[in-house]
């Protein structure tokens, strides 16, 4: 017996917003009762800014994987650095065995492949990546550089390139060894490729004047479509010879294009341009024609852009200008559990420490009542109505130090019981009634301490000492029983980049360290968050750093850099944070920046039946 649904299909949903719940898919019709319109979800392609690589590298990197599990290794100058991409930021991976540039990669983040390249001379060396470390495999038959690559770790393809001249030879990899196969009709260098071993497309190359592409079926080569814009190097992505992207690249020596083109198996069509034209890694099967990443470039840029064809609107995390601080200062400290309800106090202006205290409402800073003791670089925590400031240096340059502790109730600061050990450059995590103060220096940085003290809202108690001596340590977390500390220095000028967590009774040292992400984050400041620290951000640091990184409970990865370098005060959360001041003078003295994390929103378009 037929039913209404089998005869007429699904009912049109009647909704009050531009979403169709768990049935979101391209082409679905629904009625928006608020807008009084029929709408549909339509997939749209767009580029968005991604987080920067942690290692600047120019062209000739190995790029592998997808937009949510990508990999980049090596590059110019000859480096071994590997980074892993999770769709939001870059994290440090295992180093290549052989530093190289002007080469390509294939495979995935957990099963990567690289071979050949330039080490000062052409190499035939081949390596495999297992998601943690690179292992040497059997070499190429012909050492070369500036070639194109496609395929997987167990079915790789390496095309053309340069020895002492341009070669037409092609090699396939079966997971163990490389074998020579049918030559490409026209040799070229600095091109790219996309697809798999049995369905690949080689795209351009040479001096930037070529437009012809070649298709490979696993045995033979045939001419493919011609691009609208000739190019060399650039980025290339795609799953097979019928679905590929050619991204930016060099159109002539010294000239680059923002042009991006899509291939459908027959012809190339121009689509949305990248924001920044560059001549990046090349040879980059880093995704598909509907989801790709484009990172690095000549001159050592760390810029990343992401391409997505989706029914969603993706807005990348970004910094924007906020209201200026009333009194600009260095070594400022503060806190707040919300971007729109933050506070700062103390710091160092030219020639003197200050006791100024200010509050932020999401738009502007307002002066409040001052600290009782002017100081810089103390330990801070808590909210705008229940804050804590402990220790610090009472004069510029670091000495003398104080054990003084003060509490803020949203109106005024009141002296409480002191730290057991006076110190400056102290790290702090927690809130006014449950905090932990660690490390610091008793003499302005010449020596470092490992003291650890907890505060219960009334008094300080000595706890198990911090695993390493350090000052300028950065802390985060919303309770004394669940805190995270990272970075710092000690003894000067050494660094202590390793992550350390505290559970209320003992320390755990996590070997994943911050040094591969940024060398000097001492005196930076973490965002607070309520997880308590499984999603924590660290910003700024030594030498007026613009650095911004995220800890996800396992590894550090990059986020979009701040516009202004600073030894900042940070507050808010990893998805909605604030960076404030952090310099004695110049652009960073009073500047405030607001951080808003990535958002993904389902979008719909109105259907016009007229």
Protein backbone atom coordinates (compact mmCIF):
# COMPACT_ATOMS: atom_id res chain seq x y z
CA UNK A 1 0.00 0.00 0.00
CA UNK A 2 1.38 3.40 -0.98
CA UNK A 3 1.79 6.10 1.65
CA UNK A 4 1.68 9.87 1.35
CA UNK A 5 5.45 10.01 1.84
CA UNK A 6 6.23 7.51 -0.93
CA UNK A 7 3.85 9.30 -3.31
CA UNK A 8 4.72 12.89 -2.43
CA UNK A 9 8.16 12.70 -0.76
CA UNK A 10 9.24 14.42 2.46
CA UNK A 11 7.35 17.36 3.88
CA UNK A 12 8.96 20.79 3.66
CA UNK A 13 10.14 21.76 7.12
CA UNK A 14 8.65 24.85 8.79
CA UNK A 15 11.44 26.51 10.80
CA UNK A 16 12.11 29.73 12.68
CA UNK A 17 15.81 29.89 11.75
CA UNK A 18 18.19 29.11 8.90
CA UNK A 19 18.83 25.54 9.94
CA UNK A 20 17.21 22.23 9.27
CA UNK A 21 18.59 20.42 12.28
CA UNK A 22 20.05 17.00 11.71
CA UNK A 23 19.03 17.01 8.04
CA UNK A 24 21.29 19.83 6.87
CA UNK A 25 22.37 19.03 3.34
CA UNK A 26 22.86 20.86 0.10
CA UNK A 27 19.66 21.41 -1.86
CA UNK A 28 17.20 20.78 0.98
CA UNK A 29 14.23 23.19 0.92
CA UNK A 30 12.63 24.60 4.08
CA UNK A 31 10.37 27.50 5.02
CA UNK A 32 11.78 30.15 7.37
CA UNK A 33 8.76 31.39 9.32
CA UNK A 34 10.62 34.42 10.70
CA UNK A 35 11.73 35.63 7.26
CA UNK A 36 8.52 34.40 5.53
CA UNK A 37 10.64 32.87 2.78
CA UNK A 38 11.48 29.53 1.22
CA UNK A 39 15.18 28.77 1.66
CA UNK A 40 17.73 26.12 0.82
CA UNK A 41 21.21 25.16 1.92
CA UNK A 42 23.67 25.82 -0.89
CA UNK A 43 27.33 24.80 -0.78
CA UNK A 44 29.69 27.72 -1.41
CA UNK A 45 33.45 27.70 -1.79
CA UNK A 46 35.52 30.22 0.17
CA UNK A 47 39.03 30.80 1.53
CA UNK A 48 39.56 31.63 5.19
CA UNK A 49 42.66 32.55 7.19
CA UNK A 50 44.25 29.73 9.17
CA UNK A 51 46.80 29.77 11.96
CA UNK A 52 50.45 30.34 10.98
CA UNK A 53 53.05 27.62 10.82
CA UNK A 54 55.40 27.74 13.78
CA UNK A 55 58.47 27.42 11.53
CA UNK A 56 58.99 29.90 8.71
CA UNK A 57 59.92 28.03 5.57
CA UNK A 58 60.12 28.92 1.90
CA UNK A 59 59.28 26.76 -1.09
CA UNK A 60 59.96 23.13 -1.67
CA UNK A 61 58.30 21.52 1.36
CA UNK A 62 56.64 18.14 1.53
CA UNK A 63 52.91 18.68 2.04
CA UNK A 64 50.63 15.76 2.85
CA UNK A 65 47.23 14.92 4.28
CA UNK A 66 43.97 16.82 4.54
CA UNK A 67 42.68 20.08 5.99
CA UNK A 68 41.91 18.40 9.31
CA UNK A 69 44.97 16.14 9.40
CA UNK A 70 47.72 17.75 7.38
CA UNK A 71 51.50 17.51 7.43
CA UNK A 72 54.34 19.73 6.20
CA UNK A 73 58.04 18.89 6.40
CA UNK A 74 61.36 20.37 5.39
CA UNK A 75 61.72 23.38 3.11
CA UNK A 76 64.18 26.17 2.50
CA UNK A 77 66.61 26.82 3.96
CA UNK A 78 67.40 23.13 4.41
CA UNK A 79 65.46 22.21 7.55
CA UNK A 80 64.21 19.01 9.18
CA UNK A 81 61.21 20.54 10.94
CA UNK A 82 57.86 18.79 10.59
CA UNK A 83 54.50 20.24 11.62
CA UNK A 84 51.06 18.68 11.87
CA UNK A 85 47.84 20.55 11.08
CA UNK A 86 44.50 19.75 12.73
CA UNK A 87 42.36 22.21 10.76
CA UNK A 88 42.86 24.99 13.30
CA UNK A 89 46.56 25.20 14.21
CA UNK A 90 50.00 23.69 13.65
CA UNK A 91 51.77 21.43 16.15
CA UNK A 92 55.34 20.10 16.17
CA UNK A 93 55.90 16.64 14.66
CA UNK A 94 58.94 14.37 14.32
CA UNK A 95 61.93 15.71 12.39
CA UNK A 96 62.96 14.46 8.96
CA UNK A 97 66.04 12.26 8.92
CA UNK A 98 67.51 14.29 6.06
CA UNK A 99 67.05 18.08 5.85
CA UNK A 100 65.94 19.04 2.36
CA UNK A 101 64.01 21.49 0.19
CA UNK A 102 62.66 21.70 -3.35
CA UNK A 103 60.83 18.42 -3.02
CA UNK A 104 57.29 17.09 -2.54
CA UNK A 105 55.31 14.76 -0.35
CA UNK A 106 52.49 12.24 -0.61
CA UNK A 107 50.22 10.29 1.71
CA UNK A 108 48.60 11.32 4.97
CA UNK A 109 49.49 12.74 8.37
CA UNK A 110 49.93 9.25 9.83
CA UNK A 111 51.31 7.61 6.68
CA UNK A 112 53.41 10.19 4.87
CA UNK A 113 56.02 9.81 2.15
CA UNK A 114 58.86 12.03 0.93
CA UNK A 115 61.71 11.36 -1.48
CA UNK A 116 64.38 13.26 -3.37
CA UNK A 117 64.91 16.98 -3.03
CA UNK A 118 67.91 19.24 -2.58
CA UNK A 119 70.33 19.03 0.34
CA UNK A 120 73.11 21.08 -1.28
CA UNK A 121 73.00 18.55 -4.07
CA UNK A 122 70.21 16.38 -5.43
CA UNK A 123 69.31 13.40 -3.26
CA UNK A 124 67.54 10.09 -3.89
CA UNK A 125 66.82 9.60 -0.19
CA UNK A 126 63.29 8.39 0.64
CA UNK A 127 61.51 8.52 4.04
CA UNK A 128 58.17 7.40 5.52
CA UNK A 129 56.21 9.03 8.40
CA UNK A 130 54.01 7.07 10.82
CA UNK A 131 52.43 10.03 12.61
CA UNK A 132 55.31 10.33 15.05
CA UNK A 133 58.67 9.72 13.36
CA UNK A 134 60.32 9.50 9.93
CA UNK A 135 62.05 6.27 8.88
CA UNK A 136 64.37 5.81 5.90
CA UNK A 137 63.15 3.62 3.07
CA UNK A 138 64.61 2.54 -0.27
CA UNK A 139 65.93 5.32 -2.49
CA UNK A 140 64.67 6.71 -5.77
CA UNK A 141 66.27 5.34 -8.92
CA UNK A 142 67.12 8.90 -10.03
CA UNK A 143 68.14 11.61 -7.57
CA UNK A 144 66.28 14.82 -8.40
CA UNK A 145 64.56 17.93 -7.13
CA UNK A 146 61.72 20.26 -8.16
CA UNK A 147 59.41 17.44 -9.26
CA UNK A 148 55.68 16.76 -8.68
CA UNK A 149 54.19 14.12 -6.38
CA UNK A 150 50.86 12.40 -5.80
CA UNK A 151 49.43 9.24 -4.27
CA UNK A 152 49.88 7.50 -0.93
CA UNK A 153 52.64 5.98 1.18
CA UNK A 154 52.06 2.56 -0.37
CA UNK A 155 51.21 3.79 -3.86
CA UNK A 156 53.20 6.96 -4.52
CA UNK A 157 53.95 8.78 -7.75
CA UNK A 158 56.90 11.07 -8.51
CA UNK A 159 56.93 12.98 -11.80
CA UNK A 160 59.66 14.67 -13.86
CA UNK A 161 61.90 17.25 -12.11
CA UNK A 162 65.49 18.36 -12.39
CA UNK A 163 68.82 16.51 -12.16
CA UNK A 164 71.40 18.53 -14.09
CA UNK A 165 68.72 19.04 -16.66
CA UNK A 166 64.95 18.67 -16.85
CA UNK A 167 63.99 14.97 -16.96
CA UNK A 168 60.84 13.20 -18.18
CA UNK A 169 61.26 10.08 -16.04
CA UNK A 170 58.47 9.00 -13.67
CA UNK A 171 58.70 6.65 -10.68
CA UNK A 172 56.09 4.73 -8.67
CA UNK A 173 56.40 3.58 -5.04
CA UNK A 174 54.73 0.39 -3.73
CA UNK A 175 55.48 0.91 -0.04
CA UNK A 176 58.88 -0.76 -0.33
CA UNK A 177 60.71 0.31 -3.48
CA UNK A 178 60.63 2.78 -6.38
CA UNK A 179 60.19 1.60 -9.98
CA UNK A 180 60.55 3.55 -13.20
CA UNK A 181 57.38 3.69 -15.31
CA UNK A 182 56.16 5.48 -18.44
CA UNK A 183 57.81 8.87 -18.97
CA UNK A 184 55.68 12.00 -19.08
CA UNK A 185 55.48 13.49 -22.62
CA UNK A 186 57.03 16.81 -21.60
CA UNK A 187 59.46 17.24 -18.73
CA UNK A 188 59.10 20.20 -16.41
CA UNK A 189 60.28 21.46 -13.06
CA UNK A 190 58.55 23.18 -10.15
CA UNK A 191 55.14 21.88 -11.14
CA UNK A 192 52.57 20.12 -9.02
CA UNK A 193 50.33 17.09 -9.11
CA UNK A 194 47.12 15.81 -7.57
CA UNK A 195 45.31 12.50 -7.29
CA UNK A 196 46.41 8.92 -6.81
CA UNK A 197 48.83 6.57 -8.57
CA UNK A 198 46.19 5.31 -11.01
CA UNK A 199 44.35 8.61 -11.52
CA UNK A 200 46.67 11.61 -11.34
CA UNK A 201 47.11 14.96 -13.01
CA UNK A 202 50.43 16.78 -13.45
CA UNK A 203 49.95 20.55 -13.44
CA UNK A 204 52.23 23.05 -15.16
CA UNK A 205 55.67 24.06 -13.89
CA UNK A 206 58.74 25.42 -15.65
CA UNK A 207 59.23 29.18 -15.88
CA UNK A 208 55.58 30.06 -15.26
CA UNK A 209 54.63 30.18 -18.95
CA UNK A 210 53.14 26.68 -19.30
CA UNK A 211 49.37 26.05 -19.35
CA UNK A 212 49.05 22.37 -20.37
CA UNK A 213 48.33 19.67 -17.82
CA UNK A 214 48.82 15.91 -18.26
CA UNK A 215 46.62 13.07 -16.97
CA UNK A 216 47.93 9.67 -15.84
CA UNK A 217 45.84 6.47 -15.57
CA UNK A 218 48.51 4.33 -13.93
CA UNK A 219 50.02 3.35 -17.27
CA UNK A 220 49.78 6.09 -19.88
CA UNK A 221 49.92 9.88 -20.08
CA UNK A 222 47.48 12.01 -22.09
CA UNK A 223 47.13 15.77 -22.50
CA UNK A 224 44.57 17.37 -20.19
CA UNK A 225 42.92 20.77 -20.14
CA UNK A 226 44.78 24.07 -20.32
CA UNK A 227 44.76 26.46 -17.39
CA UNK A 228 43.63 30.05 -17.83
CA UNK A 229 46.68 31.31 -15.91
CA UNK A 230 50.09 29.76 -16.47
CA UNK A 231 52.11 29.17 -13.32
CA UNK A 232 54.91 27.28 -11.63
CA UNK A 233 55.26 26.11 -8.04
CA UNK A 234 52.17 27.18 -6.06
CA UNK A 235 49.90 24.70 -4.32
CA UNK A 236 48.01 21.73 -5.74
CA UNK A 237 45.28 19.58 -4.26
CA UNK A 238 42.88 16.89 -5.41
CA UNK A 239 41.79 13.28 -5.01
CA UNK A 240 41.96 12.21 -8.68
CA UNK A 241 42.51 13.46 -12.24
CA UNK A 242 38.88 14.63 -12.47
CA UNK A 243 38.93 16.82 -9.38
CA UNK A 244 41.89 19.08 -8.67
CA UNK A 245 42.94 22.61 -7.66
CA UNK A 246 45.83 24.80 -8.84
CA UNK A 247 46.47 27.49 -6.19
CA UNK A 248 48.46 30.71 -6.63
CA UNK A 249 52.09 30.32 -7.76
CA UNK A 250 54.69 32.08 -9.89
CA UNK A 251 53.60 33.42 -13.29
CA UNK A 252 57.03 34.79 -14.21
CA UNK A 253 60.28 35.24 -12.29
CA UNK A 254 59.43 37.49 -9.32
CA UNK A 255 55.70 37.64 -10.11
CA UNK A 256 52.99 35.69 -8.28
CA UNK A 257 49.25 35.35 -8.73
CA UNK A 258 46.24 35.03 -6.40
CA UNK A 259 44.45 33.01 -9.09
CA UNK A 260 42.94 29.62 -8.17
CA UNK A 261 41.49 27.19 -10.71
CA UNK A 262 39.44 23.99 -10.44
CA UNK A 263 39.68 21.00 -12.80
CA UNK A 264 36.68 18.74 -13.51
CA UNK A 265 38.42 16.21 -15.72
CA UNK A 266 37.92 18.22 -18.88
CA UNK A 267 38.51 21.90 -18.28
CA UNK A 268 39.93 24.37 -15.78
CA UNK A 269 37.63 27.03 -14.26
CA UNK A 270 38.65 30.05 -12.21
CA UNK A 271 37.22 30.10 -8.68
CA UNK A 272 37.73 32.29 -5.57
CA UNK A 273 41.23 33.76 -5.26
CA UNK A 274 43.50 33.31 -2.26
CA UNK A 275 44.01 36.40 -0.13
CA UNK A 276 47.80 36.47 -0.43
CA UNK A 277 49.63 35.62 -3.64
CA UNK A 278 52.77 33.60 -3.01
CA UNK A 279 55.09 30.99 -4.27
CA UNK A 280 54.83 28.38 -1.52
CA UNK A 281 55.56 24.75 -1.01
CA UNK A 282 54.27 23.33 -4.29
CA UNK A 283 53.90 19.62 -5.06
CA UNK A 284 51.13 19.63 -2.47
CA UNK A 285 48.41 16.97 -2.54
CA UNK A 286 47.09 18.40 0.74
CA UNK A 287 43.40 17.63 0.50
CA UNK A 288 40.70 17.62 -2.17
CA UNK A 289 39.16 20.06 -4.62
CA UNK A 290 36.53 20.94 -1.99
CA UNK A 291 38.77 21.05 1.09
CA UNK A 292 42.41 22.15 0.94
CA UNK A 293 45.07 24.09 2.83
CA UNK A 294 47.73 26.38 1.39
CA UNK A 295 50.65 27.26 3.63
CA UNK A 296 54.13 28.77 3.62
CA UNK A 297 55.82 30.51 0.73
CA UNK A 298 58.86 32.28 -0.65
CA UNK A 299 60.46 34.62 1.83
CA UNK A 300 59.67 32.24 4.66
CA UNK A 301 56.07 33.24 5.27
CA UNK A 302 54.16 31.23 7.87
CA UNK A 303 50.74 32.17 6.48
CA UNK A 304 48.05 29.48 6.10
CA UNK A 305 44.81 29.70 4.14
CA UNK A 306 42.04 27.09 4.03
CA UNK A 307 39.60 26.30 1.20
CA UNK A 308 36.20 24.79 1.96
CA UNK A 309 33.17 24.09 -0.20
CA UNK A 310 30.43 23.81 2.38
CA UNK A 311 26.87 24.70 3.37
CA UNK A 312 28.44 26.35 6.42
CA UNK A 313 29.98 29.79 6.77
CA UNK A 314 33.38 29.41 8.42
CA UNK A 315 34.85 32.43 10.17
CA UNK A 316 38.45 31.91 11.21
CA UNK A 317 39.62 32.94 14.67
CA UNK A 318 40.97 36.49 14.58
CA UNK A 319 42.21 39.41 16.65
CA UNK A 320 40.54 42.82 16.52
CA UNK A 321 41.31 46.15 18.18
CA UNK A 322 39.71 46.92 21.53
CA UNK A 323 39.70 50.03 23.68
CA UNK A 324 43.06 51.45 24.75
CA UNK A 325 44.27 51.11 28.31
CA UNK A 326 44.34 54.40 30.24
CA UNK A 327 47.91 53.88 31.49
CA UNK A 328 50.29 51.97 29.20
CA UNK A 329 52.81 49.72 30.91
CA UNK A 330 55.14 46.75 30.71
CA UNK A 331 55.05 43.62 32.91
CA UNK A 332 51.36 44.25 33.52
CA UNK A 333 49.24 41.55 35.15
CA UNK A 334 45.52 40.96 35.39
CA UNK A 335 42.75 38.48 34.79
CA UNK A 336 39.05 37.96 34.32
CA UNK A 337 36.96 34.98 33.32
CA UNK A 338 35.32 36.88 30.48
CA UNK A 339 36.57 39.02 27.61
CA UNK A 340 33.96 41.63 28.59
CA UNK A 341 34.75 41.64 32.31
CA UNK A 342 38.52 41.82 32.67
CA UNK A 343 40.92 43.70 34.90
CA UNK A 344 44.59 44.72 35.10
CA UNK A 345 46.75 46.20 37.84
CA UNK A 346 50.31 47.32 38.45
CA UNK A 347 53.06 47.21 35.86
CA UNK A 348 56.05 49.29 34.88
CA UNK A 349 55.86 52.65 33.15
CA UNK A 350 59.07 54.46 32.14
CA UNK A 351 61.15 54.88 35.27
CA UNK A 352 58.75 53.54 37.90
CA UNK A 353 56.38 50.79 38.95
CA UNK A 354 52.71 51.80 39.07
CA UNK A 355 49.73 50.91 41.26
CA UNK A 356 47.05 51.81 38.72
CA UNK A 357 44.09 49.41 38.42
CA UNK A 358 41.62 49.31 35.50
CA UNK A 359 38.50 47.37 34.43
CA UNK A 360 37.29 46.44 30.92
CA UNK A 361 33.62 46.16 29.92
CA UNK A 362 34.12 44.82 26.40
CA UNK A 363 34.50 48.28 24.89
CA UNK A 364 36.52 50.58 27.13
CA UNK A 365 38.85 50.60 30.13
CA UNK A 366 37.85 52.52 33.28
CA UNK A 367 40.16 53.44 36.14
CA UNK A 368 39.37 51.85 39.47
CA UNK A 369 40.91 52.18 42.91
CA UNK A 370 44.63 51.56 43.01
CA UNK A 371 46.69 48.74 44.48
CA UNK A 372 48.06 49.54 47.91
CA UNK A 373 51.56 48.55 46.78
CA UNK A 374 52.88 49.59 43.36
CA UNK A 375 54.51 46.61 41.67
CA UNK A 376 55.16 44.71 38.45
CA UNK A 377 55.24 41.05 37.40
CA UNK A 378 53.25 39.57 40.27
CA UNK A 379 50.96 36.55 40.22
CA UNK A 380 47.30 37.23 39.42
CA UNK A 381 43.98 35.46 39.08
CA UNK A 382 40.27 35.67 39.60
CA UNK A 383 37.38 37.69 38.24
CA UNK A 384 36.67 41.40 37.94
CA UNK A 385 34.79 41.32 41.26
CA UNK A 386 37.01 38.81 43.10
CA UNK A 387 40.63 39.24 42.05
CA UNK A 388 44.00 38.38 43.55
CA UNK A 389 47.44 39.98 43.10
CA UNK A 390 50.39 38.39 44.88
CA UNK A 391 54.13 39.07 45.02
CA UNK A 392 55.95 41.11 42.37
CA UNK A 393 58.81 43.55 41.96
CA UNK A 394 58.36 46.94 43.61
CA UNK A 395 60.91 48.78 41.45
CA UNK A 396 61.90 48.74 37.75
CA UNK A 397 64.46 46.14 36.79
CA UNK A 398 63.32 43.50 39.22
CA UNK A 399 64.47 44.40 42.73
CA UNK A 400 63.36 44.64 45.44
CA UNK A 401 60.64 41.98 45.56
CA UNK A 402 57.61 41.72 47.84
CA UNK A 403 55.57 38.98 49.53
CA UNK A 404 52.59 41.31 49.73
CA UNK A 405 49.20 39.88 48.64
CA UNK A 406 46.07 41.89 47.87
CA UNK A 407 42.42 41.06 47.09
CA UNK A 408 39.95 43.05 44.97
CA UNK A 409 36.17 43.02 45.50
CA UNK A 410 35.20 44.99 42.40
CA UNK A 411 35.67 48.31 44.15
CA UNK A 412 38.87 48.39 46.19
CA UNK A 413 42.04 46.44 46.96
CA UNK A 414 42.60 45.10 50.49
CA UNK A 415 45.83 43.67 51.89
CA UNK A 416 45.68 40.02 52.91
CA UNK A 417 48.18 37.56 54.34
CA UNK A 418 51.54 37.47 52.59
CA UNK A 419 53.29 34.80 50.57
CA UNK A 420 55.71 32.74 52.63
CA UNK A 421 58.50 33.61 50.16
CA UNK A 422 58.83 37.08 48.64
CA UNK A 423 59.40 36.99 44.88
CA UNK A 424 58.79 38.66 41.57
CA UNK A 425 58.06 37.20 38.11
CA UNK A 426 55.81 34.68 39.87
CA UNK A 427 53.49 32.38 37.95
CA UNK A 428 49.89 32.06 39.10
CA UNK A 429 46.80 29.99 38.33
CA UNK A 430 43.33 29.84 39.85
CA UNK A 431 40.88 32.28 41.42
CA UNK A 432 40.81 34.46 44.53
CA UNK A 433 39.83 31.66 46.93
CA UNK A 434 41.74 28.82 45.27
CA UNK A 435 45.03 29.68 43.62
CA UNK A 436 48.58 28.43 43.20
CA UNK A 437 51.73 30.59 42.95
CA UNK A 438 54.91 28.99 41.59
CA UNK A 439 58.50 29.86 40.78
CA UNK A 440 59.73 33.42 40.50
CA UNK A 441 62.91 35.25 41.36
CA UNK A 442 64.10 36.88 44.57
CA UNK A 443 66.67 39.12 42.87
CA UNK A 444 65.19 40.39 39.64
CA UNK A 445 66.01 37.40 37.45
CA UNK A 446 69.59 36.53 38.37
CA UNK A 447 68.34 33.37 40.07
CA UNK A 448 65.17 31.33 39.82
CA UNK A 449 63.00 29.70 42.50
CA UNK A 450 60.96 26.50 42.61
CA UNK A 451 58.69 27.50 45.53
CA UNK A 452 55.04 26.51 45.21
CA UNK A 453 52.32 27.96 47.46
CA UNK A 454 48.55 27.48 47.51
CA UNK A 455 46.05 30.11 48.69
CA UNK A 456 42.61 29.34 50.13
CA UNK A 457 41.33 32.90 50.31
CA UNK A 458 42.90 33.50 53.72
CA UNK A 459 46.46 32.23 53.91
CA UNK A 460 49.29 30.69 51.88
CA UNK A 461 50.60 27.16 52.43
CA UNK A 462 53.79 25.65 51.04
CA UNK A 463 53.19 22.80 48.59
CA UNK A 464 55.38 20.29 46.78
CA UNK A 465 58.03 22.35 44.99
CA UNK A 466 57.71 23.17 41.30
CA UNK A 467 59.52 20.50 39.20
CA UNK A 468 61.99 23.02 37.78
CA UNK A 469 63.22 26.39 38.95
CA UNK A 470 61.85 29.18 36.82
CA UNK A 471 60.61 32.73 36.71
CA UNK A 472 58.24 34.37 34.26
CA UNK A 473 56.29 31.09 34.26
CA UNK A 474 52.81 31.25 32.73
CA UNK A 475 49.87 29.64 34.54
CA UNK A 476 46.23 28.91 33.79
CA UNK A 477 43.25 27.11 35.30
CA UNK A 478 40.37 28.12 37.55
CA UNK A 479 41.24 26.18 40.71
CA UNK A 480 44.30 25.40 42.82
CA UNK A 481 43.61 21.69 42.39
CA UNK A 482 43.73 21.75 38.58
CA UNK A 483 46.37 24.09 37.18
CA UNK A 484 48.76 24.17 34.23
CA UNK A 485 52.08 26.02 33.98
CA UNK A 486 54.37 26.44 30.97
CA UNK A 487 57.27 28.48 29.59
CA UNK A 488 59.45 30.61 31.83
CA UNK A 489 63.17 31.15 32.30
CA UNK A 490 65.72 30.07 34.80
CA UNK A 491 68.44 30.39 35.45
CA UNK A 492 68.81 33.24 32.99
CA UNK A 493 68.93 33.01 30.02
CA UNK A 494 67.78 29.39 29.89
CA UNK A 495 64.19 28.35 29.26
CA UNK A 496 61.80 25.86 30.83
CA UNK A 497 59.31 25.25 28.04
CA UNK A 498 57.92 21.94 29.31
CA UNK A 499 54.28 21.78 30.44
CA UNK A 500 53.66 20.97 34.11
CA UNK A 501 50.24 20.22 35.62
CA UNK A 502 49.16 20.22 39.27
CA UNK A 503 46.27 18.16 40.72
CA UNK A 504 46.30 19.64 44.20
CA UNK A 505 48.90 17.29 45.64
CA UNK A 506 51.48 16.40 42.98
CA UNK A 507 53.07 17.60 39.75
CA UNK A 508 53.04 15.89 36.37
CA UNK A 509 55.62 16.87 33.76
CA UNK A 510 54.43 16.50 30.17
CA UNK A 511 57.20 15.96 27.65
CA UNK A 512 55.42 17.85 24.86
CA UNK A 513 57.12 21.21 25.22
CA UNK A 514 56.56 24.71 23.95
CA UNK A 515 60.05 25.27 22.57
CA UNK A 516 59.19 23.91 19.14
CA UNK A 517 56.31 26.36 18.88
CA UNK A 518 58.06 29.47 20.22
CA UNK A 519 61.39 29.88 21.97
CA UNK A 520 60.63 32.70 24.38
CA UNK A 521 57.17 32.86 25.93
CA UNK A 522 58.42 33.81 29.36
CA UNK A 523 56.41 36.68 30.78
CA UNK A 524 53.57 35.97 28.39
CA UNK A 525 50.16 35.35 29.88
CA UNK A 526 47.64 32.54 29.44
CA UNK A 527 43.96 32.98 28.90
CA UNK A 528 41.86 31.57 31.69
CA UNK A 529 39.21 28.97 30.95
CA UNK A 530 36.82 26.79 32.89
CA UNK A 531 37.64 23.33 31.51
CA UNK A 532 39.85 23.77 33.69
CA UNK A 533 42.78 23.83 31.28
CA UNK A 534 42.11 21.35 28.47
CA UNK A 535 41.69 24.27 26.09
CA UNK A 536 44.07 27.01 27.22
CA UNK A 537 45.78 29.75 25.20
CA UNK A 538 49.11 31.45 25.80
CA UNK A 539 49.93 34.85 24.30
CA UNK A 540 52.81 37.28 23.98
CA UNK A 541 56.14 36.87 25.72
CA UNK A 542 59.75 37.94 25.75
CA UNK A 543 61.02 40.52 23.25
CA UNK A 544 57.51 41.83 22.57
CA UNK A 545 56.27 38.64 20.98
CA UNK A 546 53.06 38.45 18.91
CA UNK A 547 52.88 34.70 19.58
CA UNK A 548 49.55 32.96 20.23
CA UNK A 549 49.36 29.23 20.95
CA UNK A 550 46.80 26.74 22.23
CA UNK A 551 47.11 23.73 24.55
CA UNK A 552 44.46 21.05 23.88
CA UNK A 553 45.43 18.81 26.78
CA UNK A 554 48.01 16.93 24.72
CA UNK A 555 49.99 19.24 22.42
CA UNK A 556 50.64 22.90 21.70
CA UNK A 557 49.57 24.31 18.34
CA UNK A 558 49.59 27.74 16.76
CA UNK A 559 46.77 30.25 16.52
CA UNK A 560 46.51 33.57 14.67
CA UNK A 561 49.21 35.98 15.87
CA UNK A 562 48.42 39.24 17.64
CA UNK A 563 48.88 42.46 15.69
CA UNK A 564 51.01 44.05 18.42
CA UNK A 565 53.98 42.37 20.11
CA UNK A 566 53.83 42.49 23.90
CA UNK A 567 54.53 40.93 27.28
CA UNK A 568 50.78 40.96 27.68
CA UNK A 569 48.16 40.46 30.32
CA UNK A 570 45.63 37.88 29.15
CA UNK A 571 42.09 37.11 30.25
CA UNK A 572 38.92 35.43 29.09
CA UNK A 573 38.84 32.03 27.43
CA UNK A 574 40.45 30.23 24.52
CA UNK A 575 37.46 31.12 22.34
CA UNK A 576 36.88 34.66 23.63
CA UNK A 577 40.00 36.29 25.05
CA UNK A 578 41.71 39.61 25.65
CA UNK A 579 45.33 40.81 25.38
CA UNK A 580 46.27 44.05 27.07
CA UNK A 581 49.24 46.44 27.05
CA UNK A 582 52.62 44.89 27.79
CA UNK A 583 55.08 47.57 26.66
CA UNK A 584 56.54 50.71 28.26
CA UNK A 585 56.06 52.80 25.15
CA UNK A 586 55.13 52.61 21.49
CA UNK A 587 52.19 50.84 19.88
CA UNK A 588 51.98 48.15 22.57
CA UNK A 589 51.85 50.47 25.56
CA UNK A 590 48.08 50.99 25.71
CA UNK A 591 46.86 48.68 22.95
CA UNK A 592 44.16 46.09 23.64
CA UNK A 593 43.21 43.28 21.28
CA UNK A 594 40.17 41.01 21.46
CA UNK A 595 40.33 37.37 20.37
CA UNK A 596 37.32 35.56 18.93
CA UNK A 597 37.78 31.90 18.04
CA UNK A 598 36.68 30.12 14.89
CA UNK A 599 32.93 29.81 14.30
CA UNK A 600 31.02 27.55 11.94
CA UNK A 601 27.44 28.55 11.15
CA UNK A 602 25.01 26.79 8.82
CA UNK A 603 23.99 29.22 6.09
CA UNK A 604 21.02 29.24 3.73
CA UNK A 605 19.94 31.22 0.68
CA UNK A 606 16.48 32.52 -0.19
CA UNK A 607 14.76 30.74 -3.07
CA UNK A 608 12.92 33.13 -5.40
CA UNK A 609 9.99 31.46 -7.18
CA UNK A 610 8.84 34.61 -9.01
